[in-house]
Amino acid sequence: MIAPFSTLSRYFFRRYVSTFLTYCLGLLLVILLVDFNETSRRLSRAEDYSVALGLFISALRLPTVLQLIIPFVVLVASIATLMQLNRKYELVVTRAAGISAWQFLAPLIVANLLIGALSVTALNTLAAKAMLKAEDIVVERNLGSQSPTNVAPWLRQRTEEGDTVLGARASSEGGTKLSGATFFLFDKDQRIKERLEAENAVLGDGVWQLTNVKKIRGSQPVEFLETVTVPTSLKAEFVGESLASPETVPFFELRGKIATAKSFGLPATSYEMQFHRLLALPALLAAMTLIAAMVSLKFVRFGQSLTVILGGILAGFVLYVVSELIQAFANAGTIPPVVAAWLPVLVASALGTTVLLHKEDG
């Protein structure tokens, strides 16, 4: 039998971790180039934009992207590791020594559980802080006003002067700083009386401070103003709960965010989904190992097959699509977030375990 800390276990562990890191670095380099190209396309018209700044913003987004692609990296790295071991007949010798698939897969599963734990703790915290820094740069340098699409949701506020609907292309500091902001001011009859388009907006004590404002009112000529104040009843905590993206909240702060959002009467589904998704990540990565093993065991007996390899990758892709669909239902309130996060993990684990039991134990 293969002991938990035997030489063979450590060898398989090192081989897998080395393969995983290699694939991570390669994919991150590709993603950096793709994101930099997209960032340049959206922000290159801004006066303060430079190639170095674009690369820095893209680099700050990498930890967040890595969190999203880790299940795929684990799947591909697991398949690749087992292929390499098969190619050198190392798994053949291991099986001949009476070691079952469950035993030589254990080091890979342990490695993925550790990777998942590090992703939930260290990587998630780094990703949240880096994404916040990227958003701060976009807002402070007014790069968000160059973006063609809104990323911050619309908010409605009510004051004695009437309702105001506001949105922005980018936000930072929990939504208290906006870039490319648009304010629609309504009269008491709920008709739009004027529209304000500002390069930046900052939430102060009872007012929004707008700078470099374009004021549009009916058929009147457009006015350009340096500063405009808009009364507000919104508090910084409420705006933060409404505008802050779940990806910018570290794992250990999500429970507090959920409680705060509920105290304001706001839906906390996105935060709950993020919390349970991160909580289930280590188990999901372990399940990816089982999916890789489903197709890799055939290599030992019948030789390597590109069709089978693509089948394993396709299985992982289908699992990802199903997970995203279930998450969409959860965000819509149709499915509880805890079910949406854990159901794909349970299905993948059950499928992988069933196939391996059938192949190993008949």
Protein backbone atom coordinates (compact mmCIF):
# COMPACT_ATOMS: atom_id res chain seq x y z
CA MET A 1 0.00 0.00 0.00
CA ILE A 2 1.05 3.58 -0.61
CA ALA A 3 1.52 5.48 2.66
CA PRO A 4 0.21 9.07 2.97
CA PHE A 5 3.75 10.51 3.19
CA SER A 6 5.68 7.85 1.31
CA THR A 7 8.29 8.65 -1.30
CA LEU A 8 5.85 7.71 -4.08
CA SER A 9 3.14 9.98 -2.66
CA ARG A 10 5.54 12.91 -2.45
CA TYR A 11 6.74 12.21 -5.99
CA PHE A 12 3.21 12.24 -7.42
CA PHE A 13 2.45 15.36 -5.37
CA ARG A 14 5.49 17.24 -6.70
CA ARG A 15 4.85 16.18 -10.28
CA TYR A 16 1.27 17.41 -10.13
CA VAL A 17 2.07 20.73 -8.42
CA SER A 18 4.83 21.40 -10.96
CA THR A 19 2.45 20.73 -13.86
CA PHE A 20 -0.27 22.86 -12.27
CA LEU A 21 2.06 25.85 -11.79
CA THR A 22 3.34 25.55 -15.37
CA TYR A 23 -0.17 25.65 -16.81
CA CYS A 24 -1.10 28.53 -14.48
CA LEU A 25 1.81 30.67 -15.62
CA GLY A 26 1.15 29.93 -19.28
CA LEU A 27 -2.56 30.73 -19.08
CA LEU A 28 -1.98 33.86 -17.01
CA LEU A 29 0.43 35.19 -19.62
CA VAL A 30 -2.16 34.65 -22.36
CA ILE A 31 -4.92 36.22 -20.24
CA LEU A 32 -2.70 39.21 -19.45
CA LEU A 33 -2.17 39.88 -23.15
CA VAL A 34 -5.87 39.46 -23.98
CA ASP A 35 -7.01 41.67 -21.09
CA PHE A 36 -4.39 44.29 -21.95
CA ASN A 37 -5.68 44.39 -25.52
CA GLU A 38 -9.26 44.85 -24.29
CA THR A 39 -8.21 47.46 -21.72
CA SER A 40 -6.34 49.41 -24.39
CA ARG A 41 -9.35 49.31 -26.68
CA ARG A 42 -11.66 50.71 -23.99
CA LEU A 43 -9.40 53.21 -22.24
CA SER A 44 -6.82 54.35 -24.80
CA ARG A 45 -8.79 57.54 -25.54
CA ALA A 46 -8.25 58.83 -21.99
CA GLU A 47 -5.60 61.52 -21.64
CA ASP A 48 -3.81 59.83 -18.71
CA TYR A 49 -3.72 56.40 -20.32
CA SER A 50 -0.36 54.79 -21.13
CA VAL A 51 0.84 51.34 -22.11
CA ALA A 52 2.47 50.86 -18.70
CA LEU A 53 -0.75 51.87 -16.93
CA GLY A 54 -2.78 49.48 -19.08
CA LEU A 55 -0.43 46.60 -18.27
CA PHE A 56 -0.60 47.46 -14.57
CA ILE A 57 -4.42 47.47 -14.57
CA SER A 58 -4.49 44.15 -16.43
CA ALA A 59 -1.98 42.67 -13.98
CA LEU A 60 -4.17 43.76 -11.06
CA ARG A 61 -7.08 41.86 -12.58
CA LEU A 62 -5.13 38.61 -12.99
CA PRO A 63 -5.76 37.22 -9.48
CA THR A 64 -9.52 37.58 -10.00
CA VAL A 65 -9.32 35.85 -13.37
CA LEU A 66 -7.16 33.10 -11.86
CA GLN A 67 -9.89 32.38 -9.31
CA LEU A 68 -12.33 31.80 -12.16
CA ILE A 69 -10.11 29.52 -14.24
CA ILE A 70 -8.58 27.44 -11.43
CA PRO A 71 -11.08 24.55 -11.88
CA PHE A 72 -10.10 24.31 -15.57
CA VAL A 73 -6.39 24.51 -14.78
CA VAL A 74 -6.82 21.73 -12.21
CA LEU A 75 -8.68 19.55 -14.71
CA VAL A 76 -6.13 20.02 -17.50
CA ALA A 77 -3.17 19.69 -15.11
CA SER A 78 -4.61 16.47 -13.64
CA ILE A 79 -5.10 14.95 -17.10
CA ALA A 80 -1.65 16.10 -18.19
CA THR A 81 0.02 14.68 -15.07
CA LEU A 82 -1.63 11.28 -15.47
CA MET A 83 -0.71 11.28 -19.17
CA GLN A 84 2.93 11.98 -18.33
CA LEU A 85 2.98 9.21 -15.73
CA ASN A 86 1.42 6.82 -18.24
CA ARG A 87 3.79 7.77 -21.01
CA LYS A 88 6.74 6.79 -18.83
CA TYR A 89 4.96 3.62 -17.62
CA GLU A 90 5.12 4.88 -14.04
CA LEU A 91 1.44 4.19 -13.43
CA VAL A 92 1.85 0.73 -14.98
CA VAL A 93 4.57 -0.09 -12.47
CA THR A 94 2.50 1.45 -9.66
CA ARG A 95 -0.50 -0.71 -10.52
CA ALA A 96 1.71 -3.79 -10.88
CA ALA A 97 2.86 -3.19 -7.30
CA GLY A 98 -0.75 -3.60 -6.16
CA ILE A 99 -1.50 0.11 -5.69
CA SER A 100 -5.05 1.05 -6.70
CA ALA A 101 -6.21 4.18 -8.49
CA TRP A 102 -7.65 5.52 -5.24
CA GLN A 103 -4.22 5.38 -3.65
CA PHE A 104 -2.19 7.06 -6.40
CA LEU A 105 -4.91 9.69 -6.92
CA ALA A 106 -4.78 10.63 -3.23
CA PRO A 107 -1.69 12.91 -3.60
CA LEU A 108 -3.41 14.78 -6.44
CA ILE A 109 -6.61 15.18 -4.45
CA VAL A 110 -4.66 16.42 -1.41
CA ALA A 111 -2.79 18.89 -3.62
CA ASN A 112 -6.06 20.21 -5.04
CA LEU A 113 -7.61 20.54 -1.59
CA LEU A 114 -4.58 22.62 -0.55
CA ILE A 115 -4.80 24.69 -3.75
CA GLY A 116 -8.49 25.27 -3.06
CA ALA A 117 -7.82 26.31 0.53
CA LEU A 118 -5.09 28.74 -0.57
CA SER A 119 -7.40 30.11 -3.27
CA VAL A 120 -10.18 30.78 -0.78
CA THR A 121 -7.90 32.46 1.74
CA ALA A 122 -4.75 34.01 0.28
CA LEU A 123 -5.63 34.29 -3.42
CA ASN A 124 -9.15 35.60 -2.78
CA THR A 125 -7.87 38.31 -0.43
CA LEU A 126 -5.18 39.31 -2.94
CA ALA A 127 -7.71 39.30 -5.79
CA ALA A 128 -10.18 41.48 -3.87
CA LYS A 129 -7.55 44.07 -2.94
CA ALA A 130 -6.03 44.07 -6.43
CA MET A 131 -9.44 44.53 -8.06
CA LEU A 132 -10.23 47.42 -5.71
CA LYS A 133 -6.89 49.01 -6.64
CA ALA A 134 -7.68 48.61 -10.34
CA GLU A 135 -11.08 50.26 -9.82
CA ASP A 136 -9.47 53.11 -7.87
CA ILE A 137 -7.03 53.77 -10.71
CA VAL A 138 -9.83 53.79 -13.28
CA VAL A 139 -11.90 56.25 -11.22
CA GLU A 140 -9.11 58.52 -9.95
CA ARG A 141 -7.63 58.95 -13.41
CA ASN A 142 -11.09 59.31 -14.92
CA LEU A 143 -10.53 56.34 -17.21
CA GLY A 144 -14.00 54.98 -16.50
CA SER A 145 -15.63 57.79 -18.48
CA GLN A 146 -13.97 56.35 -21.59
CA SER A 147 -15.55 52.94 -21.15
CA PRO A 148 -18.48 52.31 -23.52
CA THR A 149 -20.46 50.20 -21.04
CA ASN A 150 -21.74 50.72 -17.51
CA VAL A 151 -20.34 48.46 -14.84
CA ALA A 152 -22.05 50.00 -11.81
CA PRO A 153 -25.79 49.38 -11.34
CA TRP A 154 -28.35 52.18 -11.26
CA LEU A 155 -29.55 53.56 -7.93
CA ARG A 156 -32.65 55.56 -7.08
CA GLN A 157 -32.62 58.09 -4.25
CA ARG A 158 -35.47 60.16 -2.83
CA THR A 159 -35.18 63.67 -1.40
CA GLU A 160 -37.51 66.60 -0.77
CA GLU A 161 -36.55 68.00 -4.20
CA GLY A 162 -37.65 64.80 -5.95
CA ASP A 163 -36.24 61.48 -7.04
CA THR A 164 -32.86 60.99 -8.64
CA VAL A 165 -31.65 57.98 -10.60
CA LEU A 166 -27.88 57.69 -10.85
CA GLY A 167 -25.39 55.34 -12.46
CA ALA A 168 -21.73 55.26 -13.44
CA ARG A 169 -19.34 53.52 -15.75
CA ALA A 170 -16.94 52.76 -12.88
CA SER A 171 -16.99 52.99 -9.11
CA SER A 172 -14.49 52.65 -6.28
CA GLU A 173 -14.23 52.90 -2.50
CA GLY A 174 -17.47 51.01 -1.99
CA GLY A 175 -19.36 53.06 -4.58
CA THR A 176 -18.69 56.44 -2.93
CA LYS A 177 -16.52 57.52 -5.87
CA LEU A 178 -17.97 57.36 -9.38
CA SER A 179 -16.43 57.92 -12.80
CA GLY A 180 -18.46 58.65 -15.90
CA ALA A 181 -21.50 59.32 -13.68
CA THR A 182 -24.98 60.13 -14.96
CA PHE A 183 -27.73 61.66 -12.80
CA PHE A 184 -31.39 61.88 -13.88
CA LEU A 185 -33.28 64.38 -11.73
CA PHE A 186 -37.08 64.01 -11.56
CA ASP A 187 -39.66 66.55 -10.45
CA LYS A 188 -42.52 65.75 -8.06
CA ASP A 189 -44.63 64.54 -11.00
CA GLN A 190 -41.94 61.93 -11.82
CA ARG A 191 -40.90 63.69 -15.02
CA ILE A 192 -37.24 64.16 -15.92
CA LYS A 193 -36.37 67.79 -15.34
CA GLU A 194 -32.65 67.60 -16.07
CA ARG A 195 -29.77 65.25 -16.76
CA LEU A 196 -26.28 65.67 -15.36
CA GLU A 197 -23.27 63.92 -16.87
CA ALA A 198 -20.14 64.23 -14.73
CA GLU A 199 -16.60 63.01 -15.14
CA ASN A 200 -16.48 62.24 -11.42
CA ALA A 201 -18.87 62.17 -8.49
CA VAL A 202 -18.02 61.80 -4.80
CA LEU A 203 -20.52 61.05 -2.04
CA GLY A 204 -20.25 63.62 0.75
CA ASP A 205 -22.35 64.44 3.78
CA GLY A 206 -25.86 64.63 2.34
CA VAL A 207 -24.72 65.58 -1.18
CA TRP A 208 -23.06 64.21 -4.28
CA GLN A 209 -20.16 66.40 -5.41
CA LEU A 210 -20.00 66.37 -9.21
CA THR A 211 -17.04 67.75 -11.21
CA ASN A 212 -16.75 68.64 -14.91
CA VAL A 213 -20.48 68.44 -15.45
CA LYS A 214 -22.57 68.61 -18.59
CA LYS A 215 -26.10 69.79 -17.73
CA ILE A 216 -28.90 68.88 -20.14
CA ARG A 217 -32.39 70.29 -19.62
CA GLY A 218 -35.09 69.77 -22.26
CA SER A 219 -34.60 71.91 -25.34
CA GLN A 220 -32.36 74.40 -23.55
CA PRO A 221 -28.70 74.73 -24.58
CA VAL A 222 -26.29 72.34 -22.90
CA GLU A 223 -24.45 73.91 -19.96
CA PHE A 224 -20.90 73.00 -18.90
CA LEU A 225 -20.19 73.45 -15.21
CA GLU A 226 -17.07 72.79 -13.17
CA THR A 227 -18.92 71.60 -10.07
CA VAL A 228 -22.50 70.72 -9.16
CA THR A 229 -23.97 69.39 -5.91
CA VAL A 230 -26.92 67.02 -5.87
CA PRO A 231 -28.72 66.46 -2.54
CA THR A 232 -28.90 62.86 -1.42
CA SER A 233 -30.34 60.79 1.38
CA LEU A 234 -28.02 57.88 0.66
CA LYS A 235 -25.46 56.78 3.23
CA ALA A 236 -22.02 55.46 2.35
CA GLU A 237 -22.83 52.06 3.87
CA PHE A 238 -25.98 51.71 1.75
CA VAL A 239 -24.20 52.75 -1.44
CA GLY A 240 -21.37 50.34 -0.66
CA GLU A 241 -23.80 47.44 -0.28
CA SER A 242 -25.55 48.39 -3.53
CA LEU A 243 -22.53 49.05 -5.75
CA ALA A 244 -19.71 46.91 -4.34
CA SER A 245 -19.01 43.87 -6.48
CA PRO A 246 -18.82 40.51 -4.65
CA GLU A 247 -15.45 39.91 -6.35
CA THR A 248 -13.98 42.91 -4.50
CA VAL A 249 -14.97 41.56 -1.06
CA PRO A 250 -12.51 39.17 0.66
CA PHE A 251 -13.88 35.81 1.74
CA PHE A 252 -13.59 36.58 5.46
CA GLU A 253 -15.65 39.78 5.04
CA LEU A 254 -18.49 38.26 3.02
CA ARG A 255 -20.52 37.16 6.05
CA GLY A 256 -20.45 40.73 7.36
CA LYS A 257 -21.46 42.08 3.94
CA ILE A 258 -24.38 39.67 3.81
CA ALA A 259 -25.60 40.76 7.25
CA THR A 260 -25.20 44.46 6.41
CA ALA A 261 -27.05 44.14 3.09
CA LYS A 262 -29.95 42.38 4.79
CA SER A 263 -30.07 45.06 7.48
CA PHE A 264 -30.66 47.64 4.72
CA GLY A 265 -33.34 45.47 3.15
CA LEU A 266 -31.15 44.83 0.10
CA PRO A 267 -30.88 41.46 -1.64
CA ALA A 268 -27.69 39.69 -0.54
CA THR A 269 -27.95 36.84 -3.05
CA SER A 270 -24.79 37.77 -4.96
CA TYR A 271 -22.74 37.90 -1.75
CA GLU A 272 -24.22 34.62 -0.51
CA MET A 273 -23.49 32.99 -3.86
CA GLN A 274 -19.89 34.20 -3.75
CA PHE A 275 -19.47 32.97 -0.17
CA HIS A 276 -20.78 29.45 -0.82
CA ARG A 277 -18.99 29.24 -4.16
CA LEU A 278 -15.66 29.94 -2.48
CA LEU A 279 -16.51 27.57 0.36
CA ALA A 280 -17.16 24.78 -2.13
CA LEU A 281 -14.05 25.48 -4.23
CA PRO A 282 -11.68 22.94 -2.57
CA ALA A 283 -14.28 20.19 -2.98
CA LEU A 284 -14.83 21.23 -6.61
CA LEU A 285 -11.11 20.97 -7.36
CA ALA A 286 -11.02 17.50 -5.80
CA ALA A 287 -13.99 16.55 -7.98
CA MET A 288 -12.08 17.76 -11.05
CA THR A 289 -9.37 15.24 -10.17
CA LEU A 290 -11.95 12.44 -10.26
CA ILE A 291 -13.23 13.64 -13.65
CA ALA A 292 -9.66 13.61 -14.97
CA ALA A 293 -9.17 10.10 -13.61
CA MET A 294 -12.34 8.93 -15.38
CA VAL A 295 -10.66 9.35 -18.73
CA SER A 296 -7.06 8.75 -17.65
CA LEU A 297 -7.54 5.18 -16.45
CA LYS A 298 -8.21 4.05 -20.02
CA PHE A 299 -4.71 5.15 -21.02
CA VAL A 300 -3.16 2.50 -18.83
CA ARG A 301 -5.02 -0.34 -20.48
CA PHE A 302 -5.62 0.74 -24.04
CA GLY A 303 -3.11 3.48 -24.80
CA GLN A 304 -3.60 7.20 -25.01
CA SER A 305 -6.50 8.58 -26.97
CA LEU A 306 -6.96 12.18 -28.01
CA THR A 307 -10.70 11.62 -28.19
CA VAL A 308 -10.81 10.54 -24.56
CA ILE A 309 -8.70 13.54 -23.51
CA LEU A 310 -11.05 15.92 -25.28
CA GLY A 311 -13.93 14.08 -23.65
CA GLY A 312 -12.50 14.84 -20.21
CA ILE A 313 -12.04 18.52 -21.07
CA LEU A 314 -15.56 18.62 -22.52
CA ALA A 315 -16.93 17.12 -19.29
CA GLY A 316 -15.25 19.89 -17.31
CA PHE A 317 -16.61 22.52 -19.70
CA VAL A 318 -20.14 21.14 -19.40
CA LEU A 319 -19.79 21.20 -15.62
CA TYR A 320 -18.73 24.85 -15.82
CA VAL A 321 -21.67 25.81 -18.06
CA VAL A 322 -24.12 24.02 -15.79
CA SER A 323 -22.59 25.76 -12.76
CA GLU A 324 -23.01 29.15 -14.40
CA LEU A 325 -26.62 28.41 -15.31
CA ILE A 326 -27.38 27.30 -11.77
CA GLN A 327 -25.69 30.43 -10.43
CA ALA A 328 -27.87 32.56 -12.71
CA PHE A 329 -30.96 30.89 -11.26
CA ALA A 330 -29.60 31.51 -7.75
CA ASN A 331 -28.98 35.21 -8.47
CA ALA A 332 -32.56 35.43 -9.73
CA GLY A 333 -33.77 33.98 -6.44
CA THR A 334 -35.04 30.73 -7.94
CA ILE A 335 -32.51 28.47 -6.20
CA PRO A 336 -30.91 28.93 -2.76
CA PRO A 337 -27.24 29.98 -3.14
CA VAL A 338 -26.01 27.08 -1.00
CA VAL A 339 -27.71 24.61 -3.36
CA ALA A 340 -26.39 26.39 -6.46
CA ALA A 341 -22.82 26.32 -5.14
CA TRP A 342 -22.71 22.72 -3.91
CA LEU A 343 -24.92 20.90 -6.45
CA PRO A 344 -22.28 20.85 -9.26
CA VAL A 345 -19.68 19.63 -6.75
CA LEU A 346 -21.90 16.78 -5.58
CA VAL A 347 -22.83 15.79 -9.14
CA ALA A 348 -19.20 15.81 -10.31
CA SER A 349 -18.02 13.88 -7.25
CA ALA A 350 -20.77 11.29 -7.57
CA LEU A 351 -20.13 10.82 -11.29
CA GLY A 352 -16.36 10.48 -10.87
CA THR A 353 -16.67 8.13 -7.91
CA THR A 354 -19.22 5.93 -9.68
CA VAL A 355 -17.11 5.57 -12.82
CA LEU A 356 -13.95 4.84 -10.84
CA LEU A 357 -15.72 2.26 -8.68
CA HIS A 358 -17.02 0.58 -11.81
CA LYS A 359 -13.58 0.51 -13.45
CA GLU A 360 -11.60 -0.43 -10.35
CA ASP A 361 -13.94 -2.72 -8.48
CA GLY A 362 -16.29 -3.85 -11.23
